[in-house]
């Protein structure tokens, strides 16, 4: 059993594309325990339409629909609910472009017991490495591995990822709900940074392949007048600008 943690907003149309692509190309009939948070921001009138969309693909055991949006609180609430050996983290604005063997991802985690996160690639891969922002992850024969000296910089990010449950439960209690949670894995609470230093991090895939995922949220932001409030390092909620 795998915990699927879905972090969403009131964008049922976008969530539909995300879940349809991941259901058909990754999850299939794999046994999942789905959980979803729907923050009250976006074009839909309420969160129920988003929950109905999710139920077309999964039967969530946990649905959190807060009265006020807050990305850190949503992130922490979902992580705190996790109980499975492996967790798949999925925000609502990613489309899966390629068929992915979920069992192969799990097998890699089993074969590398100190691997905490195996995320899907959003950029093309090279013959011997993959570029992540301005850094390079070398191919180790099974996945593209974040160099040990870069773990605090780019080891963790919120892209669609298979995450070891032990790592999730070690970090979840220490997440600060007033700060962007992703940034806390780079320069955050001491207990989280201890976990970052302890574990390996990597990107799934094969050399010389195209991206597996596509960000479908950016065009929505540009077209609807919503934006992330404040700067990226301290993003906690959305705001309407027009």
C-alpha atoms as a PDB file:
ATOM      1  CA  UNK A   1       0.000   0.000   0.000  1.00  0.00           C
ATOM      2  CA  UNK A   2       1.175   3.474  -0.921  1.00  0.00           C
ATOM      3  CA  UNK A   3      -0.025   6.797   0.488  1.00  0.00           C
ATOM      4  CA  UNK A   4      -0.928   9.272  -2.262  1.00  0.00           C
ATOM      5  CA  UNK A   5      -0.864  12.827  -0.909  1.00  0.00           C
ATOM      6  CA  UNK A   6      -2.648  15.301  -3.192  1.00  0.00           C
ATOM      7  CA  UNK A   7      -2.198  19.008  -2.491  1.00  0.00           C
ATOM      8  CA  UNK A   8      -4.819  20.937  -4.464  1.00  0.00           C
ATOM      9  CA  UNK A   9      -6.669  24.218  -4.812  1.00  0.00           C
ATOM     10  CA  UNK A  10     -10.065  24.996  -6.323  1.00  0.00           C
ATOM     11  CA  UNK A  11      -8.924  24.227  -9.852  1.00  0.00           C
ATOM     12  CA  UNK A  12     -10.920  21.110 -10.744  1.00  0.00           C
ATOM     13  CA  UNK A  13     -10.080  21.384 -14.442  1.00  0.00           C
ATOM     14  CA  UNK A  14      -6.342  21.317 -13.768  1.00  0.00           C
ATOM     15  CA  UNK A  15      -6.650  18.562 -11.161  1.00  0.00           C
ATOM     16  CA  UNK A  16      -8.597  16.464 -13.679  1.00  0.00           C
ATOM     17  CA  UNK A  17      -5.710  16.569 -16.154  1.00  0.00           C
ATOM     18  CA  UNK A  18      -3.174  15.816 -13.432  1.00  0.00           C
ATOM     19  CA  UNK A  19      -5.024  12.849 -11.954  1.00  0.00           C
ATOM     20  CA  UNK A  20      -6.015  11.417 -15.332  1.00  0.00           C
ATOM     21  CA  UNK A  21      -2.406  11.419 -16.501  1.00  0.00           C
ATOM     22  CA  UNK A  22      -0.990   9.942 -13.293  1.00  0.00           C
ATOM     23  CA  UNK A  23      -3.727   7.328 -12.982  1.00  0.00           C
ATOM     24  CA  UNK A  24      -3.237   6.062 -16.530  1.00  0.00           C
ATOM     25  CA  UNK A  25       0.539   6.374 -16.784  1.00  0.00           C
ATOM     26  CA  UNK A  26       1.806   5.632 -13.273  1.00  0.00           C
ATOM     27  CA  UNK A  27      -0.623   4.357 -10.654  1.00  0.00           C
ATOM     28  CA  UNK A  28      -2.851   2.044 -12.699  1.00  0.00           C
ATOM     29  CA  UNK A  29      -4.308  -0.574 -10.350  1.00  0.00           C
ATOM     30  CA  UNK A  30      -1.568  -0.158  -7.730  1.00  0.00           C
ATOM     31  CA  UNK A  31      -3.148  -0.175  -4.236  1.00  0.00           C
ATOM     32  CA  UNK A  32      -3.238   3.383  -2.907  1.00  0.00           C
ATOM     33  CA  UNK A  33      -4.497   5.230   0.133  1.00  0.00           C
ATOM     34  CA  UNK A  34      -5.309   8.662  -1.287  1.00  0.00           C
ATOM     35  CA  UNK A  35      -5.527  11.799   0.848  1.00  0.00           C
ATOM     36  CA  UNK A  36      -6.285  15.303  -0.389  1.00  0.00           C
ATOM     37  CA  UNK A  37      -6.103  18.890   0.812  1.00  0.00           C
ATOM     38  CA  UNK A  38      -8.100  21.506  -1.100  1.00  0.00           C
ATOM     39  CA  UNK A  39      -7.225  25.096  -0.262  1.00  0.00           C
ATOM     40  CA  UNK A  40     -10.006  27.670  -0.874  1.00  0.00           C
ATOM     41  CA  UNK A  41      -8.380  29.536  -3.737  1.00  0.00           C
ATOM     42  CA  UNK A  42      -9.152  29.362  -7.445  1.00  0.00           C
ATOM     43  CA  UNK A  43     -12.059  29.732  -9.875  1.00  0.00           C
ATOM     44  CA  UNK A  44     -14.372  27.028  -8.496  1.00  0.00           C
ATOM     45  CA  UNK A  45     -17.108  28.105  -6.106  1.00  0.00           C
ATOM     46  CA  UNK A  46     -16.249  25.616  -3.394  1.00  0.00           C
ATOM     47  CA  UNK A  47     -14.017  22.659  -2.659  1.00  0.00           C
ATOM     48  CA  UNK A  48     -16.671  20.022  -3.299  1.00  0.00           C
ATOM     49  CA  UNK A  49     -16.211  20.094  -7.063  1.00  0.00           C
ATOM     50  CA  UNK A  50     -12.520  19.371  -6.567  1.00  0.00           C
ATOM     51  CA  UNK A  51     -13.269  16.472  -4.224  1.00  0.00           C
ATOM     52  CA  UNK A  52     -15.732  15.081  -6.781  1.00  0.00           C
ATOM     53  CA  UNK A  53     -13.029  15.264  -9.426  1.00  0.00           C
ATOM     54  CA  UNK A  54     -10.590  13.403  -7.184  1.00  0.00           C
ATOM     55  CA  UNK A  55     -13.172  10.690  -6.490  1.00  0.00           C
ATOM     56  CA  UNK A  56     -13.380   9.907 -10.203  1.00  0.00           C
ATOM     57  CA  UNK A  57      -9.873   8.473  -9.902  1.00  0.00           C
ATOM     58  CA  UNK A  58      -9.338   7.649  -6.218  1.00  0.00           C
ATOM     59  CA  UNK A  59     -11.440   7.257  -3.085  1.00  0.00           C
ATOM     60  CA  UNK A  60      -9.752   9.586  -0.578  1.00  0.00           C
ATOM     61  CA  UNK A  61      -9.620   8.359   3.003  1.00  0.00           C
ATOM     62  CA  UNK A  62      -8.832  11.878   4.219  1.00  0.00           C
ATOM     63  CA  UNK A  63     -10.139  15.183   2.843  1.00  0.00           C
ATOM     64  CA  UNK A  64      -9.042  18.480   4.337  1.00  0.00           C
ATOM     65  CA  UNK A  65     -10.861  21.624   3.181  1.00  0.00           C
ATOM     66  CA  UNK A  66      -9.723  24.545   5.358  1.00  0.00           C
ATOM     67  CA  UNK A  67     -11.547  27.872   5.508  1.00  0.00           C
ATOM     68  CA  UNK A  68      -8.387  29.818   4.724  1.00  0.00           C
ATOM     69  CA  UNK A  69      -5.621  28.947   2.241  1.00  0.00           C
ATOM     70  CA  UNK A  70      -2.166  28.127   3.530  1.00  0.00           C
ATOM     71  CA  UNK A  71       0.347  26.026   1.625  1.00  0.00           C
ATOM     72  CA  UNK A  72       2.560  25.202   4.651  1.00  0.00           C
ATOM     73  CA  UNK A  73      -0.429  24.061   6.715  1.00  0.00           C
ATOM     74  CA  UNK A  74      -1.720  21.950   3.820  1.00  0.00           C
ATOM     75  CA  UNK A  75       1.703  20.406   3.284  1.00  0.00           C
ATOM     76  CA  UNK A  76       2.137  19.580   6.964  1.00  0.00           C
ATOM     77  CA  UNK A  77      -1.392  18.227   7.424  1.00  0.00           C
ATOM     78  CA  UNK A  78      -0.958  15.738   4.592  1.00  0.00           C
ATOM     79  CA  UNK A  79       2.494  14.643   5.717  1.00  0.00           C
ATOM     80  CA  UNK A  80       1.235  14.156   9.275  1.00  0.00           C
ATOM     81  CA  UNK A  81      -1.474  11.777   8.004  1.00  0.00           C
ATOM     82  CA  UNK A  82       1.007   9.493   6.260  1.00  0.00           C
ATOM     83  CA  UNK A  83       1.466   5.983   7.626  1.00  0.00           C
ATOM     84  CA  UNK A  84       2.603   3.860   4.656  1.00  0.00           C
ATOM     85  CA  UNK A  85       6.168   2.700   3.936  1.00  0.00           C
ATOM     86  CA  UNK A  86       6.148   4.858   0.795  1.00  0.00           C
ATOM     87  CA  UNK A  87       4.416   8.109  -0.048  1.00  0.00           C
ATOM     88  CA  UNK A  88       3.746   9.736  -3.400  1.00  0.00           C
ATOM     89  CA  UNK A  89       3.597  13.520  -3.236  1.00  0.00           C
ATOM     90  CA  UNK A  90       1.467  15.149  -5.944  1.00  0.00           C
ATOM     91  CA  UNK A  91       0.520  18.795  -6.301  1.00  0.00           C
ATOM     92  CA  UNK A  92      -2.442  19.529  -8.535  1.00  0.00           C
ATOM     93  CA  UNK A  93      -0.681  21.185 -11.468  1.00  0.00           C
ATOM     94  CA  UNK A  94       1.574  18.546 -13.019  1.00  0.00           C
ATOM     95  CA  UNK A  95       0.857  16.455 -16.098  1.00  0.00           C
ATOM     96  CA  UNK A  96       2.629  13.111 -16.481  1.00  0.00           C
ATOM     97  CA  UNK A  97       3.868  12.800 -20.064  1.00  0.00           C
ATOM     98  CA  UNK A  98       5.365   9.295 -20.098  1.00  0.00           C
ATOM     99  CA  UNK A  99       4.442   5.846 -18.827  1.00  0.00           C
ATOM    100  CA  UNK A 100       6.328   5.190 -15.594  1.00  0.00           C
ATOM    101  CA  UNK A 101       6.794   1.859 -13.818  1.00  0.00           C
ATOM    102  CA  UNK A 102       5.850   2.575 -10.213  1.00  0.00           C
ATOM    103  CA  UNK A 103       7.062  -0.824  -9.037  1.00  0.00           C
ATOM    104  CA  UNK A 104      10.475  -0.087 -10.530  1.00  0.00           C
ATOM    105  CA  UNK A 105      10.610   3.125  -8.511  1.00  0.00           C
ATOM    106  CA  UNK A 106       9.736   1.175  -5.363  1.00  0.00           C
ATOM    107  CA  UNK A 107      12.372  -1.438  -6.207  1.00  0.00           C
ATOM    108  CA  UNK A 108      15.031   1.255  -6.438  1.00  0.00           C
ATOM    109  CA  UNK A 109      14.011   2.546  -3.018  1.00  0.00           C
ATOM    110  CA  UNK A 110      14.212  -0.997  -1.669  1.00  0.00           C
ATOM    111  CA  UNK A 111      17.666  -1.506  -3.167  1.00  0.00           C
ATOM    112  CA  UNK A 112      18.922   1.821  -1.821  1.00  0.00           C
ATOM    113  CA  UNK A 113      17.689   1.881   1.783  1.00  0.00           C
ATOM    114  CA  UNK A 114      19.262   5.306   2.403  1.00  0.00           C
ATOM    115  CA  UNK A 115      17.403   6.909  -0.533  1.00  0.00           C
ATOM    116  CA  UNK A 116      14.677   9.230   0.774  1.00  0.00           C
ATOM    117  CA  UNK A 117      13.228  10.802  -2.366  1.00  0.00           C
ATOM    118  CA  UNK A 118      12.996   9.745  -6.002  1.00  0.00           C
ATOM    119  CA  UNK A 119      11.339  12.473  -8.021  1.00  0.00           C
ATOM    120  CA  UNK A 120      10.232  12.537 -11.634  1.00  0.00           C
ATOM    121  CA  UNK A 121      12.320  14.539 -14.138  1.00  0.00           C
ATOM    122  CA  UNK A 122      10.971  17.827 -15.462  1.00  0.00           C
ATOM    123  CA  UNK A 123      13.943  18.436 -17.780  1.00  0.00           C
ATOM    124  CA  UNK A 124      15.635  16.236 -20.410  1.00  0.00           C
ATOM    125  CA  UNK A 125      18.405  13.950 -19.205  1.00  0.00           C
ATOM    126  CA  UNK A 126      21.884  13.638 -20.677  1.00  0.00           C
ATOM    127  CA  UNK A 127      24.091  10.615 -21.217  1.00  0.00           C
ATOM    128  CA  UNK A 128      25.823  10.787 -17.839  1.00  0.00           C
ATOM    129  CA  UNK A 129      23.957  13.437 -15.870  1.00  0.00           C
ATOM    130  CA  UNK A 130      20.786  15.451 -15.431  1.00  0.00           C
ATOM    131  CA  UNK A 131      20.751  19.190 -14.879  1.00  0.00           C
ATOM    132  CA  UNK A 132      18.664  20.410 -11.946  1.00  0.00           C
ATOM    133  CA  UNK A 133      18.518  24.167 -12.075  1.00  0.00           C
ATOM    134  CA  UNK A 134      22.236  25.074 -12.279  1.00  0.00           C
ATOM    135  CA  UNK A 135      23.476  21.839 -10.701  1.00  0.00           C
ATOM    136  CA  UNK A 136      24.248  18.427 -12.188  1.00  0.00           C
ATOM    137  CA  UNK A 137      23.130  15.040 -10.860  1.00  0.00           C
ATOM    138  CA  UNK A 138      25.319  12.177 -12.165  1.00  0.00           C
ATOM    139  CA  UNK A 139      23.812   8.884 -13.350  1.00  0.00           C
ATOM    140  CA  UNK A 140      24.711   6.100 -10.888  1.00  0.00           C
ATOM    141  CA  UNK A 141      23.355   3.208 -12.933  1.00  0.00           C
ATOM    142  CA  UNK A 142      19.831   3.280 -11.435  1.00  0.00           C
ATOM    143  CA  UNK A 143      18.946   6.943 -10.961  1.00  0.00           C
ATOM    144  CA  UNK A 144      20.380  10.458 -11.167  1.00  0.00           C
ATOM    145  CA  UNK A 145      21.817  11.101  -7.717  1.00  0.00           C
ATOM    146  CA  UNK A 146      22.076  14.439  -5.959  1.00  0.00           C
ATOM    147  CA  UNK A 147      25.719  14.894  -4.874  1.00  0.00           C
ATOM    148  CA  UNK A 148      26.112  14.789  -1.096  1.00  0.00           C
ATOM    149  CA  UNK A 149      27.422  18.358  -0.955  1.00  0.00           C
ATOM    150  CA  UNK A 150      24.299  19.644  -2.747  1.00  0.00           C
ATOM    151  CA  UNK A 151      21.626  17.943  -0.660  1.00  0.00           C
ATOM    152  CA  UNK A 152      20.797  21.112   1.241  1.00  0.00           C
ATOM    153  CA  UNK A 153      20.610  23.088  -1.989  1.00  0.00           C
ATOM    154  CA  UNK A 154      18.610  20.851  -4.308  1.00  0.00           C
ATOM    155  CA  UNK A 155      18.104  17.485  -2.631  1.00  0.00           C
ATOM    156  CA  UNK A 156      14.404  18.020  -2.004  1.00  0.00           C
ATOM    157  CA  UNK A 157      11.750  19.782  -4.048  1.00  0.00           C
ATOM    158  CA  UNK A 158       7.987  19.545  -4.327  1.00  0.00           C
ATOM    159  CA  UNK A 159       7.844  17.965  -7.776  1.00  0.00           C
ATOM    160  CA  UNK A 160       5.914  14.678  -8.077  1.00  0.00           C
ATOM    161  CA  UNK A 161       7.996  12.256  -6.034  1.00  0.00           C
ATOM    162  CA  UNK A 162       8.107   8.860  -4.397  1.00  0.00           C
ATOM    163  CA  UNK A 163       9.196   9.488  -0.814  1.00  0.00           C
ATOM    164  CA  UNK A 164      10.185   7.087   1.919  1.00  0.00           C
ATOM    165  CA  UNK A 165       7.598   7.132   4.699  1.00  0.00           C
ATOM    166  CA  UNK A 166      10.266   7.146   7.387  1.00  0.00           C
ATOM    167  CA  UNK A 167      11.620  10.429   6.007  1.00  0.00           C
ATOM    168  CA  UNK A 168       8.140  11.970   5.816  1.00  0.00           C
ATOM    169  CA  UNK A 169       7.290  11.110   9.405  1.00  0.00           C
ATOM    170  CA  UNK A 170      10.672  12.274  10.716  1.00  0.00           C
ATOM    171  CA  UNK A 171      10.253  15.698   9.090  1.00  0.00           C
ATOM    172  CA  UNK A 172       6.507  16.365   9.353  1.00  0.00           C
ATOM    173  CA  UNK A 173       6.315  17.403  13.038  1.00  0.00           C
ATOM    174  CA  UNK A 174       9.007  20.044  12.510  1.00  0.00           C
ATOM    175  CA  UNK A 175       7.484  21.836   9.503  1.00  0.00           C
ATOM    176  CA  UNK A 176       6.803  25.507  10.275  1.00  0.00           C
ATOM    177  CA  UNK A 177       3.326  26.448   9.021  1.00  0.00           C
ATOM    178  CA  UNK A 178       4.320  30.105   8.567  1.00  0.00           C
ATOM    179  CA  UNK A 179       7.023  29.451   5.943  1.00  0.00           C
ATOM    180  CA  UNK A 180       7.193  27.910   2.487  1.00  0.00           C
ATOM    181  CA  UNK A 181       7.618  24.211   3.329  1.00  0.00           C
ATOM    182  CA  UNK A 182       9.845  23.395   0.364  1.00  0.00           C
ATOM    183  CA  UNK A 183      12.375  26.023   1.426  1.00  0.00           C
ATOM    184  CA  UNK A 184      12.524  24.462   4.892  1.00  0.00           C
ATOM    185  CA  UNK A 185      14.286  21.463   3.354  1.00  0.00           C
ATOM    186  CA  UNK A 186      17.084  23.769   2.220  1.00  0.00           C
ATOM    187  CA  UNK A 187      17.519  26.080   5.188  1.00  0.00           C
ATOM    188  CA  UNK A 188      14.967  25.143   7.791  1.00  0.00           C
ATOM    189  CA  UNK A 189      14.570  23.719  11.298  1.00  0.00           C
ATOM    190  CA  UNK A 190      17.536  21.796  12.626  1.00  0.00           C
ATOM    191  CA  UNK A 191      15.660  18.506  12.842  1.00  0.00           C
ATOM    192  CA  UNK A 192      14.711  18.695   9.167  1.00  0.00           C
ATOM    193  CA  UNK A 193      18.256  19.559   8.135  1.00  0.00           C
ATOM    194  CA  UNK A 194      19.517  16.532  10.061  1.00  0.00           C
ATOM    195  CA  UNK A 195      17.283  14.377   7.893  1.00  0.00           C
ATOM    196  CA  UNK A 196      18.512  16.090   4.727  1.00  0.00           C
ATOM    197  CA  UNK A 197      22.102  15.340   5.695  1.00  0.00           C
ATOM    198  CA  UNK A 198      21.263  11.725   6.549  1.00  0.00           C
ATOM    199  CA  UNK A 199      19.552  10.624   3.325  1.00  0.00           C
ATOM    200  CA  UNK A 200      20.226  10.383  -0.404  1.00  0.00           C
ATOM    201  CA  UNK A 201      18.033  12.144  -2.985  1.00  0.00           C
ATOM    202  CA  UNK A 202      17.588  11.409  -6.648  1.00  0.00           C
ATOM    203  CA  UNK A 203      15.695  11.742  -9.908  1.00  0.00           C
ATOM    204  CA  UNK A 204      14.107   8.736 -11.584  1.00  0.00           C
ATOM    205  CA  UNK A 205      14.575   8.053 -15.279  1.00  0.00           C
ATOM    206  CA  UNK A 206      17.105   6.935 -17.841  1.00  0.00           C
ATOM    207  CA  UNK A 207      19.890   8.707 -19.743  1.00  0.00           C
ATOM    208  CA  UNK A 208      19.054  10.628 -22.912  1.00  0.00           C
ATOM    209  CA  UNK A 209      15.327  10.894 -22.274  1.00  0.00           C
ATOM    210  CA  UNK A 210      12.874  13.776 -22.396  1.00  0.00           C
ATOM    211  CA  UNK A 211      11.043  15.203 -19.379  1.00  0.00           C
ATOM    212  CA  UNK A 212       8.465  12.981 -17.675  1.00  0.00           C
ATOM    213  CA  UNK A 213       6.341  15.794 -16.230  1.00  0.00           C
ATOM    214  CA  UNK A 214       5.073  19.197 -17.329  1.00  0.00           C
ATOM    215  CA  UNK A 215       4.073  22.153 -15.164  1.00  0.00           C
ATOM    216  CA  UNK A 216       0.515  23.078 -16.168  1.00  0.00           C
ATOM    217  CA  UNK A 217      -0.016  25.614 -13.389  1.00  0.00           C
ATOM    218  CA  UNK A 218       2.021  28.511 -14.730  1.00  0.00           C
ATOM    219  CA  UNK A 219      -0.314  29.287 -17.622  1.00  0.00           C
ATOM    220  CA  UNK A 220      -3.267  29.117 -15.227  1.00  0.00           C
ATOM    221  CA  UNK A 221      -1.603  31.699 -12.979  1.00  0.00           C
ATOM    222  CA  UNK A 222      -0.983  34.017 -15.936  1.00  0.00           C
ATOM    223  CA  UNK A 223      -4.508  33.639 -17.319  1.00  0.00           C
ATOM    224  CA  UNK A 224      -6.557  33.913 -14.128  1.00  0.00           C
ATOM    225  CA  UNK A 225      -5.020  36.774 -12.161  1.00  0.00           C
ATOM    226  CA  UNK A 226      -3.937  34.739  -9.156  1.00  0.00           C
ATOM    227  CA  UNK A 227      -0.392  34.828  -7.854  1.00  0.00           C
ATOM    228  CA  UNK A 228       1.704  33.543  -4.991  1.00  0.00           C
ATOM    229  CA  UNK A 229       1.707  36.171  -2.258  1.00  0.00           C
ATOM    230  CA  UNK A 230       5.130  37.485  -1.217  1.00  0.00           C
ATOM    231  CA  UNK A 231       8.394  36.099  -2.518  1.00  0.00           C
ATOM    232  CA  UNK A 232       9.014  32.470  -3.408  1.00  0.00           C
ATOM    233  CA  UNK A 233      11.105  31.814  -0.321  1.00  0.00           C
ATOM    234  CA  UNK A 234       8.218  32.773   1.937  1.00  0.00           C
ATOM    235  CA  UNK A 235       5.225  31.676  -0.149  1.00  0.00           C
ATOM    236  CA  UNK A 236       2.388  30.604   2.126  1.00  0.00           C
ATOM    237  CA  UNK A 237      -0.828  31.518   0.289  1.00  0.00           C
ATOM    238  CA  UNK A 238      -2.380  32.838  -2.930  1.00  0.00           C
ATOM    239  CA  UNK A 239      -3.818  36.268  -3.663  1.00  0.00           C
ATOM    240  CA  UNK A 240      -6.036  37.699  -6.411  1.00  0.00           C
ATOM    241  CA  UNK A 241      -4.518  40.655  -8.279  1.00  0.00           C
ATOM    242  CA  UNK A 242      -7.285  41.479 -10.764  1.00  0.00           C
END
